């Protein structure tokens, strides 16, 4: 048991956490309950290979009564970003960037990077240093994909400055490079966030920037692209892809069920086979009759996004009548759709 931290399959979760050992007792800390149960299961499996068992009377997952923070969190808490001195504000921003990059080089997670992005996104009186903050966030979004929700939220929440400072062409180039990169690897979430930010900024797309005739985008991404087509953000027709034949081959309950259903519901196609497939399905037919959609049109006109609350306000310039939505369309995971 002296090498428990090196157990295959357990070493990752344990090495990222704090472990205290007292003779043959172990206390291991985790940031969330799921990680704790996962590590406990791996530990049990490891012990079984030696015909050993944990003492169940002394083993369990319990919520800590004390809130623990990693050392890097304390370092960040000591940093302050000036809201009155432009020159000092720039120095503070660079200091946070340096600290985040230093921490991320010594730990596998992107927690420090996400914290830095969140902190810089909340800087008040940022007009003079807006381009600096933008440059930093675009760099972090490029090098640390987990930070893209923060980066894209910043772009949406500051869309007026992006337009007034004529920065949209620069942002457009960055977002299109990111889409191309993540699209190749099937990273739906990253692609979706970039498409969302670009759509809010009214960036248009050519066919070569979103794929090739031989490769239909993944289901969730294609559904979003279809929504962008409705909003006039594509400089080409969806027929550039042989999407109807591919969807019909996959079937209504195949991987492409989402764009299959939405294409019928939204009138992207008049194909009778596809329409009949949806209307004859016991569940999807009822959804169609009640005009249910999985795509939120107003997300492409988001005015503000709150990542913590997972809501957005819609409408380009009329924030006084903006309505709140309790879910973002683009909260997409590799495993499926919400």
C-alpha atoms as a PDB file:
ATOM      1  CA  UNK A   1       0.000   0.000   0.000  1.00  0.00           C
ATOM      2  CA  UNK A   2       2.987   2.315   0.266  1.00  0.00           C
ATOM      3  CA  UNK A   3       2.814   2.818  -3.508  1.00  0.00           C
ATOM      4  CA  UNK A   4      -0.936   3.342  -3.698  1.00  0.00           C
ATOM      5  CA  UNK A   5      -0.468   6.622  -5.530  1.00  0.00           C
ATOM      6  CA  UNK A   6       1.233   4.733  -8.360  1.00  0.00           C
ATOM      7  CA  UNK A   7      -1.624   2.298  -8.959  1.00  0.00           C
ATOM      8  CA  UNK A   8      -2.460   2.142 -12.668  1.00  0.00           C
ATOM      9  CA  UNK A   9      -5.754   3.916 -13.247  1.00  0.00           C
ATOM     10  CA  UNK A  10      -5.682   5.438  -9.769  1.00  0.00           C
ATOM     11  CA  UNK A  11      -2.457   7.414 -10.070  1.00  0.00           C
ATOM     12  CA  UNK A  12      -4.093  10.109 -12.191  1.00  0.00           C
ATOM     13  CA  UNK A  13      -6.958  11.000  -9.810  1.00  0.00           C
ATOM     14  CA  UNK A  14      -4.738  10.663  -6.730  1.00  0.00           C
ATOM     15  CA  UNK A  15      -1.780  12.632  -8.020  1.00  0.00           C
ATOM     16  CA  UNK A  16      -4.110  15.510  -8.900  1.00  0.00           C
ATOM     17  CA  UNK A  17      -5.483  15.482  -5.342  1.00  0.00           C
ATOM     18  CA  UNK A  18      -4.124  15.739  -1.841  1.00  0.00           C
ATOM     19  CA  UNK A  19      -3.526  12.544   0.093  1.00  0.00           C
ATOM     20  CA  UNK A  20      -2.756  12.100   3.783  1.00  0.00           C
ATOM     21  CA  UNK A  21      -1.532   8.737   5.085  1.00  0.00           C
ATOM     22  CA  UNK A  22      -1.513   7.638   8.717  1.00  0.00           C
ATOM     23  CA  UNK A  23      -0.048   4.112   8.989  1.00  0.00           C
ATOM     24  CA  UNK A  24      -2.560   2.066   6.973  1.00  0.00           C
ATOM     25  CA  UNK A  25      -5.268   4.756   6.764  1.00  0.00           C
ATOM     26  CA  UNK A  26      -5.591   7.115   3.809  1.00  0.00           C
ATOM     27  CA  UNK A  27      -7.470  10.379   3.415  1.00  0.00           C
ATOM     28  CA  UNK A  28      -7.679  11.602  -0.190  1.00  0.00           C
ATOM     29  CA  UNK A  29      -9.245  14.893  -1.191  1.00  0.00           C
ATOM     30  CA  UNK A  30     -11.157  15.519  -4.420  1.00  0.00           C
ATOM     31  CA  UNK A  31     -12.840  18.539  -5.972  1.00  0.00           C
ATOM     32  CA  UNK A  32     -16.048  16.666  -6.718  1.00  0.00           C
ATOM     33  CA  UNK A  33     -17.961  13.598  -5.580  1.00  0.00           C
ATOM     34  CA  UNK A  34     -17.826  11.839  -8.951  1.00  0.00           C
ATOM     35  CA  UNK A  35     -14.018  11.836  -8.978  1.00  0.00           C
ATOM     36  CA  UNK A  36     -13.960  10.466  -5.436  1.00  0.00           C
ATOM     37  CA  UNK A  37     -16.257   7.527  -6.265  1.00  0.00           C
ATOM     38  CA  UNK A  38     -14.274   6.802  -9.425  1.00  0.00           C
ATOM     39  CA  UNK A  39     -11.000   6.655  -7.492  1.00  0.00           C
ATOM     40  CA  UNK A  40     -12.586   4.488  -4.787  1.00  0.00           C
ATOM     41  CA  UNK A  41     -13.767   1.974  -7.397  1.00  0.00           C
ATOM     42  CA  UNK A  42     -10.301   1.766  -8.929  1.00  0.00           C
ATOM     43  CA  UNK A  43      -8.744   1.270  -5.511  1.00  0.00           C
ATOM     44  CA  UNK A  44     -11.145  -1.591  -4.749  1.00  0.00           C
ATOM     45  CA  UNK A  45     -10.327  -3.275  -8.065  1.00  0.00           C
ATOM     46  CA  UNK A  46      -6.611  -2.940  -7.397  1.00  0.00           C
ATOM     47  CA  UNK A  47      -6.863  -4.514  -3.958  1.00  0.00           C
ATOM     48  CA  UNK A  48      -8.951  -7.395  -5.265  1.00  0.00           C
ATOM     49  CA  UNK A  49      -6.069  -8.451  -7.514  1.00  0.00           C
ATOM     50  CA  UNK A  50      -4.178  -9.239  -4.268  1.00  0.00           C
ATOM     51  CA  UNK A  51      -7.224 -10.817  -2.613  1.00  0.00           C
ATOM     52  CA  UNK A  52      -7.501  -7.831  -0.293  1.00  0.00           C
ATOM     53  CA  UNK A  53     -10.526  -5.736   0.640  1.00  0.00           C
ATOM     54  CA  UNK A  54     -11.138  -2.337   2.140  1.00  0.00           C
ATOM     55  CA  UNK A  55     -12.619  -2.081   5.599  1.00  0.00           C
ATOM     56  CA  UNK A  56     -16.104  -0.940   4.558  1.00  0.00           C
ATOM     57  CA  UNK A  57     -16.879   0.262   8.070  1.00  0.00           C
ATOM     58  CA  UNK A  58     -14.114   2.836   7.740  1.00  0.00           C
ATOM     59  CA  UNK A  59     -14.378   3.534   4.018  1.00  0.00           C
ATOM     60  CA  UNK A  60     -16.617   6.005   2.274  1.00  0.00           C
ATOM     61  CA  UNK A  61     -16.997   9.272   0.394  1.00  0.00           C
ATOM     62  CA  UNK A  62     -17.888  12.201   2.622  1.00  0.00           C
ATOM     63  CA  UNK A  63     -18.285  15.911   2.056  1.00  0.00           C
ATOM     64  CA  UNK A  64     -15.544  17.943   3.688  1.00  0.00           C
ATOM     65  CA  UNK A  65     -16.575  20.386   6.382  1.00  0.00           C
ATOM     66  CA  UNK A  66     -13.673  22.611   5.398  1.00  0.00           C
ATOM     67  CA  UNK A  67     -13.232  24.382   2.080  1.00  0.00           C
ATOM     68  CA  UNK A  68      -9.786  23.754   0.672  1.00  0.00           C
ATOM     69  CA  UNK A  69      -8.190  25.724  -2.136  1.00  0.00           C
ATOM     70  CA  UNK A  70      -5.139  24.860  -4.182  1.00  0.00           C
ATOM     71  CA  UNK A  71      -2.094  27.027  -3.572  1.00  0.00           C
ATOM     72  CA  UNK A  72      -2.473  28.683  -6.972  1.00  0.00           C
ATOM     73  CA  UNK A  73      -5.953  29.883  -6.001  1.00  0.00           C
ATOM     74  CA  UNK A  74      -4.464  31.731  -3.041  1.00  0.00           C
ATOM     75  CA  UNK A  75      -1.883  33.280  -5.380  1.00  0.00           C
ATOM     76  CA  UNK A  76      -4.634  34.551  -7.652  1.00  0.00           C
ATOM     77  CA  UNK A  77      -6.661  35.909  -4.754  1.00  0.00           C
ATOM     78  CA  UNK A  78      -3.761  38.195  -3.908  1.00  0.00           C
ATOM     79  CA  UNK A  79      -3.775  39.746  -7.377  1.00  0.00           C
ATOM     80  CA  UNK A  80      -5.766  42.884  -8.090  1.00  0.00           C
ATOM     81  CA  UNK A  81      -6.592  44.478 -11.435  1.00  0.00           C
ATOM     82  CA  UNK A  82      -6.722  48.244 -11.339  1.00  0.00           C
ATOM     83  CA  UNK A  83      -9.934  49.869 -12.533  1.00  0.00           C
ATOM     84  CA  UNK A  84      -8.648  53.445 -12.547  1.00  0.00           C
ATOM     85  CA  UNK A  85      -5.030  53.410 -13.740  1.00  0.00           C
ATOM     86  CA  UNK A  86      -4.797  52.281 -17.378  1.00  0.00           C
ATOM     87  CA  UNK A  87      -1.063  51.625 -17.264  1.00  0.00           C
ATOM     88  CA  UNK A  88      -1.306  49.664 -14.009  1.00  0.00           C
ATOM     89  CA  UNK A  89      -4.285  47.730 -15.351  1.00  0.00           C
ATOM     90  CA  UNK A  90      -2.199  46.531 -18.294  1.00  0.00           C
ATOM     91  CA  UNK A  91       0.573  45.423 -15.931  1.00  0.00           C
ATOM     92  CA  UNK A  92      -1.938  43.576 -13.763  1.00  0.00           C
ATOM     93  CA  UNK A  93      -3.382  41.764 -16.771  1.00  0.00           C
ATOM     94  CA  UNK A  94       0.051  40.622 -17.903  1.00  0.00           C
ATOM     95  CA  UNK A  95       0.863  39.515 -14.373  1.00  0.00           C
ATOM     96  CA  UNK A  96      -2.253  37.317 -14.264  1.00  0.00           C
ATOM     97  CA  UNK A  97      -1.352  35.859 -17.654  1.00  0.00           C
ATOM     98  CA  UNK A  98       2.196  35.029 -16.545  1.00  0.00           C
ATOM     99  CA  UNK A  99       0.973  33.413 -13.338  1.00  0.00           C
ATOM    100  CA  UNK A 100      -1.678  31.345 -15.148  1.00  0.00           C
ATOM    101  CA  UNK A 101       0.820  30.086 -17.730  1.00  0.00           C
ATOM    102  CA  UNK A 102       3.334  29.253 -15.006  1.00  0.00           C
ATOM    103  CA  UNK A 103       0.781  27.279 -12.999  1.00  0.00           C
ATOM    104  CA  UNK A 104      -0.586  25.437 -16.039  1.00  0.00           C
ATOM    105  CA  UNK A 105       2.922  24.249 -16.917  1.00  0.00           C
ATOM    106  CA  UNK A 106       3.031  22.320 -13.638  1.00  0.00           C
ATOM    107  CA  UNK A 107      -0.477  20.861 -13.492  1.00  0.00           C
ATOM    108  CA  UNK A 108      -2.527  18.840 -15.994  1.00  0.00           C
ATOM    109  CA  UNK A 109      -5.823  20.726 -15.605  1.00  0.00           C
ATOM    110  CA  UNK A 110      -6.786  24.063 -17.127  1.00  0.00           C
ATOM    111  CA  UNK A 111      -8.324  25.382 -13.899  1.00  0.00           C
ATOM    112  CA  UNK A 112      -5.808  28.201 -13.538  1.00  0.00           C
ATOM    113  CA  UNK A 113      -6.267  29.238 -17.162  1.00  0.00           C
ATOM    114  CA  UNK A 114     -10.053  29.257 -16.803  1.00  0.00           C
ATOM    115  CA  UNK A 115      -9.766  31.319 -13.632  1.00  0.00           C
ATOM    116  CA  UNK A 116      -7.523  33.834 -15.405  1.00  0.00           C
ATOM    117  CA  UNK A 117      -9.937  34.067 -18.351  1.00  0.00           C
ATOM    118  CA  UNK A 118     -12.878  34.565 -16.033  1.00  0.00           C
ATOM    119  CA  UNK A 119     -11.041  37.237 -14.070  1.00  0.00           C
ATOM    120  CA  UNK A 120      -9.976  39.190 -17.136  1.00  0.00           C
ATOM    121  CA  UNK A 121     -13.459  38.941 -18.625  1.00  0.00           C
ATOM    122  CA  UNK A 122     -14.813  40.794 -15.608  1.00  0.00           C
ATOM    123  CA  UNK A 123     -12.397  43.725 -15.751  1.00  0.00           C
ATOM    124  CA  UNK A 124     -14.293  47.004 -15.452  1.00  0.00           C
ATOM    125  CA  UNK A 125     -13.352  50.160 -17.337  1.00  0.00           C
ATOM    126  CA  UNK A 126     -11.543  48.012 -19.898  1.00  0.00           C
ATOM    127  CA  UNK A 127     -11.937  50.225 -22.970  1.00  0.00           C
ATOM    128  CA  UNK A 128      -8.324  51.432 -23.079  1.00  0.00           C
ATOM    129  CA  UNK A 129      -6.925  47.917 -22.553  1.00  0.00           C
ATOM    130  CA  UNK A 130      -9.619  46.073 -24.462  1.00  0.00           C
ATOM    131  CA  UNK A 131      -7.299  45.015 -27.293  1.00  0.00           C
ATOM    132  CA  UNK A 132      -4.768  43.702 -24.780  1.00  0.00           C
ATOM    133  CA  UNK A 133      -7.404  41.627 -22.991  1.00  0.00           C
ATOM    134  CA  UNK A 134      -8.711  40.385 -26.324  1.00  0.00           C
ATOM    135  CA  UNK A 135      -5.230  39.379 -27.455  1.00  0.00           C
ATOM    136  CA  UNK A 136      -4.607  37.494 -24.216  1.00  0.00           C
ATOM    137  CA  UNK A 137      -7.934  35.657 -24.316  1.00  0.00           C
ATOM    138  CA  UNK A 138      -7.587  34.668 -27.973  1.00  0.00           C
ATOM    139  CA  UNK A 139      -4.146  33.282 -27.212  1.00  0.00           C
ATOM    140  CA  UNK A 140      -5.416  31.285 -24.253  1.00  0.00           C
ATOM    141  CA  UNK A 141      -8.373  30.035 -26.263  1.00  0.00           C
ATOM    142  CA  UNK A 142      -5.994  28.813 -28.930  1.00  0.00           C
ATOM    143  CA  UNK A 143      -3.599  27.046 -26.563  1.00  0.00           C
ATOM    144  CA  UNK A 144      -6.129  25.860 -23.950  1.00  0.00           C
ATOM    145  CA  UNK A 145      -9.411  24.686 -25.570  1.00  0.00           C
ATOM    146  CA  UNK A 146     -11.098  24.328 -22.169  1.00  0.00           C
ATOM    147  CA  UNK A 147     -11.061  28.113 -21.881  1.00  0.00           C
ATOM    148  CA  UNK A 148     -13.027  28.716 -25.097  1.00  0.00           C
ATOM    149  CA  UNK A 149     -16.403  29.159 -23.332  1.00  0.00           C
ATOM    150  CA  UNK A 150     -14.865  32.054 -21.368  1.00  0.00           C
ATOM    151  CA  UNK A 151     -13.244  33.532 -24.479  1.00  0.00           C
ATOM    152  CA  UNK A 152     -16.391  33.324 -26.609  1.00  0.00           C
ATOM    153  CA  UNK A 153     -18.533  34.684 -23.776  1.00  0.00           C
ATOM    154  CA  UNK A 154     -16.186  37.665 -23.548  1.00  0.00           C
ATOM    155  CA  UNK A 155     -16.613  38.322 -27.270  1.00  0.00           C
ATOM    156  CA  UNK A 156     -20.390  38.170 -27.012  1.00  0.00           C
ATOM    157  CA  UNK A 157     -20.582  40.310 -23.881  1.00  0.00           C
ATOM    158  CA  UNK A 158     -18.331  42.936 -25.477  1.00  0.00           C
ATOM    159  CA  UNK A 159     -19.649  42.799 -29.029  1.00  0.00           C
ATOM    160  CA  UNK A 160     -20.143  46.569 -29.175  1.00  0.00           C
ATOM    161  CA  UNK A 161     -16.460  47.202 -28.470  1.00  0.00           C
ATOM    162  CA  UNK A 162     -15.472  44.519 -30.961  1.00  0.00           C
ATOM    163  CA  UNK A 163     -17.387  46.407 -33.659  1.00  0.00           C
ATOM    164  CA  UNK A 164     -16.530  49.951 -32.612  1.00  0.00           C
ATOM    165  CA  UNK A 165     -12.799  49.211 -32.513  1.00  0.00           C
ATOM    166  CA  UNK A 166     -12.925  47.428 -35.891  1.00  0.00           C
ATOM    167  CA  UNK A 167     -11.600  44.235 -34.335  1.00  0.00           C
ATOM    168  CA  UNK A 168     -14.105  41.853 -35.926  1.00  0.00           C
ATOM    169  CA  UNK A 169     -11.809  40.933 -38.892  1.00  0.00           C
ATOM    170  CA  UNK A 170      -9.069  39.907 -36.458  1.00  0.00           C
ATOM    171  CA  UNK A 171     -11.521  37.967 -34.294  1.00  0.00           C
ATOM    172  CA  UNK A 172     -12.994  36.352 -37.405  1.00  0.00           C
ATOM    173  CA  UNK A 173      -9.602  35.014 -38.458  1.00  0.00           C
ATOM    174  CA  UNK A 174      -8.965  33.569 -35.009  1.00  0.00           C
ATOM    175  CA  UNK A 175     -12.383  31.922 -34.728  1.00  0.00           C
ATOM    176  CA  UNK A 176     -12.155  30.405 -38.196  1.00  0.00           C
ATOM    177  CA  UNK A 177      -8.734  28.945 -37.438  1.00  0.00           C
ATOM    178  CA  UNK A 178     -10.102  27.443 -34.239  1.00  0.00           C
ATOM    179  CA  UNK A 179     -13.126  25.979 -36.005  1.00  0.00           C
ATOM    180  CA  UNK A 180     -10.891  24.411 -38.638  1.00  0.00           C
ATOM    181  CA  UNK A 181      -8.610  22.945 -35.986  1.00  0.00           C
ATOM    182  CA  UNK A 182     -11.291  21.489 -33.727  1.00  0.00           C
ATOM    183  CA  UNK A 183     -13.557  20.388 -36.565  1.00  0.00           C
ATOM    184  CA  UNK A 184     -10.797  18.051 -37.775  1.00  0.00           C
ATOM    185  CA  UNK A 185     -10.712  16.335 -34.377  1.00  0.00           C
ATOM    186  CA  UNK A 186     -14.465  16.148 -33.831  1.00  0.00           C
ATOM    187  CA  UNK A 187     -14.459  18.584 -30.907  1.00  0.00           C
ATOM    188  CA  UNK A 188     -18.128  19.550 -31.054  1.00  0.00           C
ATOM    189  CA  UNK A 189     -18.181  21.796 -28.001  1.00  0.00           C
ATOM    190  CA  UNK A 190     -15.226  23.904 -29.092  1.00  0.00           C
ATOM    191  CA  UNK A 191     -16.588  24.262 -32.629  1.00  0.00           C
ATOM    192  CA  UNK A 192     -20.048  25.159 -31.330  1.00  0.00           C
ATOM    193  CA  UNK A 193     -18.774  27.928 -29.052  1.00  0.00           C
ATOM    194  CA  UNK A 194     -16.728  29.457 -31.867  1.00  0.00           C
ATOM    195  CA  UNK A 195     -19.695  29.316 -34.246  1.00  0.00           C
ATOM    196  CA  UNK A 196     -21.894  30.931 -31.608  1.00  0.00           C
ATOM    197  CA  UNK A 197     -19.508  33.843 -31.018  1.00  0.00           C
ATOM    198  CA  UNK A 198     -18.961  34.311 -34.750  1.00  0.00           C
ATOM    199  CA  UNK A 199     -22.707  34.280 -35.411  1.00  0.00           C
ATOM    200  CA  UNK A 200     -23.393  36.929 -32.779  1.00  0.00           C
ATOM    201  CA  UNK A 201     -20.698  39.083 -34.411  1.00  0.00           C
ATOM    202  CA  UNK A 202     -22.419  38.441 -37.781  1.00  0.00           C
ATOM    203  CA  UNK A 203     -19.420  36.691 -39.327  1.00  0.00           C
ATOM    204  CA  UNK A 204     -20.245  34.951 -42.605  1.00  0.00           C
ATOM    205  CA  UNK A 205     -18.703  31.675 -43.789  1.00  0.00           C
ATOM    206  CA  UNK A 206     -17.557  30.249 -47.096  1.00  0.00           C
ATOM    207  CA  UNK A 207     -17.890  26.535 -47.769  1.00  0.00           C
ATOM    208  CA  UNK A 208     -14.164  25.780 -47.590  1.00  0.00           C
ATOM    209  CA  UNK A 209     -14.082  27.238 -44.073  1.00  0.00           C
ATOM    210  CA  UNK A 210     -16.556  24.696 -42.726  1.00  0.00           C
ATOM    211  CA  UNK A 211     -15.665  21.480 -44.486  1.00  0.00           C
ATOM    212  CA  UNK A 212     -15.374  19.605 -47.745  1.00  0.00           C
ATOM    213  CA  UNK A 213     -17.920  17.942 -50.056  1.00  0.00           C
ATOM    214  CA  UNK A 214     -16.727  14.515 -48.908  1.00  0.00           C
ATOM    215  CA  UNK A 215     -17.064  15.150 -45.177  1.00  0.00           C
ATOM    216  CA  UNK A 216     -20.384  16.102 -43.601  1.00  0.00           C
ATOM    217  CA  UNK A 217     -19.931  17.952 -40.271  1.00  0.00           C
ATOM    218  CA  UNK A 218     -20.756  15.990 -37.153  1.00  0.00           C
ATOM    219  CA  UNK A 219     -24.470  15.926 -36.218  1.00  0.00           C
ATOM    220  CA  UNK A 220     -24.558  18.700 -33.615  1.00  0.00           C
ATOM    221  CA  UNK A 221     -22.305  20.967 -35.640  1.00  0.00           C
ATOM    222  CA  UNK A 222     -24.323  20.413 -38.810  1.00  0.00           C
ATOM    223  CA  UNK A 223     -27.511  21.320 -36.941  1.00  0.00           C
ATOM    224  CA  UNK A 224     -25.894  24.590 -35.852  1.00  0.00           C
ATOM    225  CA  UNK A 225     -24.655  25.244 -39.391  1.00  0.00           C
ATOM    226  CA  UNK A 226     -28.223  24.742 -40.605  1.00  0.00           C
ATOM    227  CA  UNK A 227     -29.385  27.332 -38.089  1.00  0.00           C
ATOM    228  CA  UNK A 228     -26.690  29.712 -39.331  1.00  0.00           C
ATOM    229  CA  UNK A 229     -27.988  29.154 -42.868  1.00  0.00           C
ATOM    230  CA  UNK A 230     -31.442  30.273 -41.726  1.00  0.00           C
ATOM    231  CA  UNK A 231     -29.920  33.475 -40.365  1.00  0.00           C
ATOM    232  CA  UNK A 232     -28.091  34.269 -43.603  1.00  0.00           C
ATOM    233  CA  UNK A 233     -24.594  33.606 -42.275  1.00  0.00           C
ATOM    234  CA  UNK A 234     -23.516  31.135 -44.957  1.00  0.00           C
ATOM    235  CA  UNK A 235     -22.258  32.201 -48.376  1.00  0.00           C
ATOM    236  CA  UNK A 236     -23.282  28.850 -49.841  1.00  0.00           C
ATOM    237  CA  UNK A 237     -26.157  26.414 -49.947  1.00  0.00           C
ATOM    238  CA  UNK A 238     -26.409  23.383 -47.655  1.00  0.00           C
ATOM    239  CA  UNK A 239     -26.658  21.310 -50.827  1.00  0.00           C
ATOM    240  CA  UNK A 240     -22.873  21.632 -51.123  1.00  0.00           C
ATOM    241  CA  UNK A 241     -22.906  18.554 -48.899  1.00  0.00           C
ATOM    242  CA  UNK A 242     -24.809  15.401 -49.911  1.00  0.00           C
ATOM    243  CA  UNK A 243     -26.463  15.668 -46.519  1.00  0.00           C
ATOM    244  CA  UNK A 244     -29.919  14.389 -47.446  1.00  0.00           C
ATOM    245  CA  UNK A 245     -28.648  11.093 -48.817  1.00  0.00           C
ATOM    246  CA  UNK A 246     -26.319  10.609 -45.862  1.00  0.00           C
ATOM    247  CA  UNK A 247     -29.064  11.326 -43.326  1.00  0.00           C
ATOM    248  CA  UNK A 248     -31.497   8.999 -45.070  1.00  0.00           C
ATOM    249  CA  UNK A 249     -28.857   6.262 -45.133  1.00  0.00           C
ATOM    250  CA  UNK A 250     -28.197   6.705 -41.398  1.00  0.00           C
ATOM    251  CA  UNK A 251     -31.915   6.697 -40.636  1.00  0.00           C
ATOM    252  CA  UNK A 252     -34.112   8.763 -38.354  1.00  0.00           C
ATOM    253  CA  UNK A 253     -32.651   7.138 -35.231  1.00  0.00           C
ATOM    254  CA  UNK A 254     -29.055   7.223 -36.404  1.00  0.00           C
ATOM    255  CA  UNK A 255     -26.328   9.542 -35.154  1.00  0.00           C
ATOM    256  CA  UNK A 256     -27.741  12.373 -37.266  1.00  0.00           C
ATOM    257  CA  UNK A 257     -31.232  12.284 -35.752  1.00  0.00           C
ATOM    258  CA  UNK A 258     -30.951  15.909 -34.615  1.00  0.00           C
ATOM    259  CA  UNK A 259     -30.337  17.527 -38.038  1.00  0.00           C
ATOM    260  CA  UNK A 260     -32.714  14.944 -39.554  1.00  0.00           C
ATOM    261  CA  UNK A 261     -35.569  16.139 -37.353  1.00  0.00           C
ATOM    262  CA  UNK A 262     -34.695  19.848 -37.494  1.00  0.00           C
ATOM    263  CA  UNK A 263     -34.374  19.809 -41.290  1.00  0.00           C
ATOM    264  CA  UNK A 264     -37.979  18.648 -41.510  1.00  0.00           C
ATOM    265  CA  UNK A 265     -39.289  20.846 -38.719  1.00  0.00           C
ATOM    266  CA  UNK A 266     -37.561  23.963 -40.096  1.00  0.00           C
ATOM    267  CA  UNK A 267     -38.184  23.310 -43.773  1.00  0.00           C
ATOM    268  CA  UNK A 268     -34.574  22.797 -44.828  1.00  0.00           C
ATOM    269  CA  UNK A 269     -35.810  19.972 -47.023  1.00  0.00           C
ATOM    270  CA  UNK A 270     -38.920  18.980 -48.940  1.00  0.00           C
ATOM    271  CA  UNK A 271     -37.715  15.391 -49.293  1.00  0.00           C
ATOM    272  CA  UNK A 272     -40.812  13.212 -48.873  1.00  0.00           C
ATOM    273  CA  UNK A 273     -38.841  10.247 -47.493  1.00  0.00           C
ATOM    274  CA  UNK A 274     -37.384  12.362 -44.694  1.00  0.00           C
ATOM    275  CA  UNK A 275     -40.694  14.058 -43.946  1.00  0.00           C
ATOM    276  CA  UNK A 276     -42.533  10.727 -43.797  1.00  0.00           C
ATOM    277  CA  UNK A 277     -39.816   9.246 -41.553  1.00  0.00           C
ATOM    278  CA  UNK A 278     -40.341  11.998 -38.972  1.00  0.00           C
ATOM    279  CA  UNK A 279     -44.133  11.996 -39.222  1.00  0.00           C
ATOM    280  CA  UNK A 280     -44.282   8.216 -38.797  1.00  0.00           C
ATOM    281  CA  UNK A 281     -41.993   8.127 -35.773  1.00  0.00           C
ATOM    282  CA  UNK A 282     -44.016   7.665 -32.542  1.00  0.00           C
ATOM    283  CA  UNK A 283     -42.101  10.308 -30.569  1.00  0.00           C
ATOM    284  CA  UNK A 284     -40.735  12.732 -33.138  1.00  0.00           C
ATOM    285  CA  UNK A 285     -44.120  13.027 -34.846  1.00  0.00           C
ATOM    286  CA  UNK A 286     -45.675  14.318 -31.616  1.00  0.00           C
ATOM    287  CA  UNK A 287     -42.797  16.745 -31.152  1.00  0.00           C
ATOM    288  CA  UNK A 288     -43.280  17.961 -34.712  1.00  0.00           C
ATOM    289  CA  UNK A 289     -46.987  18.495 -34.185  1.00  0.00           C
ATOM    290  CA  UNK A 290     -46.207  20.626 -31.118  1.00  0.00           C
ATOM    291  CA  UNK A 291     -43.510  22.573 -33.017  1.00  0.00           C
ATOM    292  CA  UNK A 292     -40.721  21.423 -30.652  1.00  0.00           C
ATOM    293  CA  UNK A 293     -37.208  22.464 -31.613  1.00  0.00           C
ATOM    294  CA  UNK A 294     -33.816  21.672 -30.102  1.00  0.00           C
ATOM    295  CA  UNK A 295     -32.220  24.763 -31.631  1.00  0.00           C
ATOM    296  CA  UNK A 296     -32.575  28.155 -29.984  1.00  0.00           C
ATOM    297  CA  UNK A 297     -32.704  30.793 -32.729  1.00  0.00           C
ATOM    298  CA  UNK A 298     -32.236  33.672 -30.321  1.00  0.00           C
ATOM    299  CA  UNK A 299     -28.873  32.260 -29.211  1.00  0.00           C
ATOM    300  CA  UNK A 300     -27.405  33.641 -32.431  1.00  0.00           C
ATOM    301  CA  UNK A 301     -28.619  37.078 -31.327  1.00  0.00           C
ATOM    302  CA  UNK A 302     -27.418  36.801 -27.735  1.00  0.00           C
ATOM    303  CA  UNK A 303     -26.681  40.118 -26.083  1.00  0.00           C
ATOM    304  CA  UNK A 304     -25.138  38.805 -22.881  1.00  0.00           C
ATOM    305  CA  UNK A 305     -24.109  35.382 -21.614  1.00  0.00           C
ATOM    306  CA  UNK A 306     -23.640  34.326 -18.005  1.00  0.00           C
ATOM    307  CA  UNK A 307     -21.551  31.155 -17.879  1.00  0.00           C
ATOM    308  CA  UNK A 308     -22.144  30.469 -14.206  1.00  0.00           C
ATOM    309  CA  UNK A 309     -25.922  30.692 -14.449  1.00  0.00           C
ATOM    310  CA  UNK A 310     -25.904  29.200 -17.957  1.00  0.00           C
ATOM    311  CA  UNK A 311     -28.322  31.801 -19.303  1.00  0.00           C
ATOM    312  CA  UNK A 312     -28.259  34.409 -22.025  1.00  0.00           C
ATOM    313  CA  UNK A 313     -30.117  37.562 -22.865  1.00  0.00           C
ATOM    314  CA  UNK A 314     -31.280  37.864 -26.431  1.00  0.00           C
ATOM    315  CA  UNK A 315     -31.615  40.817 -28.798  1.00  0.00           C
ATOM    316  CA  UNK A 316     -28.900  42.850 -30.439  1.00  0.00           C
ATOM    317  CA  UNK A 317     -29.565  46.274 -29.006  1.00  0.00           C
ATOM    318  CA  UNK A 318     -32.671  46.118 -26.872  1.00  0.00           C
ATOM    319  CA  UNK A 319     -31.375  44.822 -23.575  1.00  0.00           C
ATOM    320  CA  UNK A 320     -34.298  46.347 -21.669  1.00  0.00           C
ATOM    321  CA  UNK A 321     -36.657  43.783 -23.130  1.00  0.00           C
ATOM    322  CA  UNK A 322     -34.122  40.958 -23.275  1.00  0.00           C
ATOM    323  CA  UNK A 323     -35.500  37.635 -22.143  1.00  0.00           C
ATOM    324  CA  UNK A 324     -33.581  34.993 -20.279  1.00  0.00           C
ATOM    325  CA  UNK A 325     -33.147  31.429 -21.466  1.00  0.00           C
ATOM    326  CA  UNK A 326     -32.329  28.739 -18.930  1.00  0.00           C
ATOM    327  CA  UNK A 327     -30.205  26.712 -21.318  1.00  0.00           C
ATOM    328  CA  UNK A 328     -27.740  27.411 -24.067  1.00  0.00           C
ATOM    329  CA  UNK A 329     -28.064  25.472 -27.270  1.00  0.00           C
ATOM    330  CA  UNK A 330     -24.319  25.181 -27.413  1.00  0.00           C
ATOM    331  CA  UNK A 331     -23.817  23.261 -24.166  1.00  0.00           C
ATOM    332  CA  UNK A 332     -22.782  20.252 -26.208  1.00  0.00           C
ATOM    333  CA  UNK A 333     -20.676  17.311 -25.105  1.00  0.00           C
ATOM    334  CA  UNK A 334     -18.986  14.624 -27.144  1.00  0.00           C
ATOM    335  CA  UNK A 335     -21.339  12.056 -25.645  1.00  0.00           C
ATOM    336  CA  UNK A 336     -24.564  13.661 -26.806  1.00  0.00           C
ATOM    337  CA  UNK A 337     -26.820  16.686 -26.750  1.00  0.00           C
ATOM    338  CA  UNK A 338     -28.679  18.425 -23.984  1.00  0.00           C
END
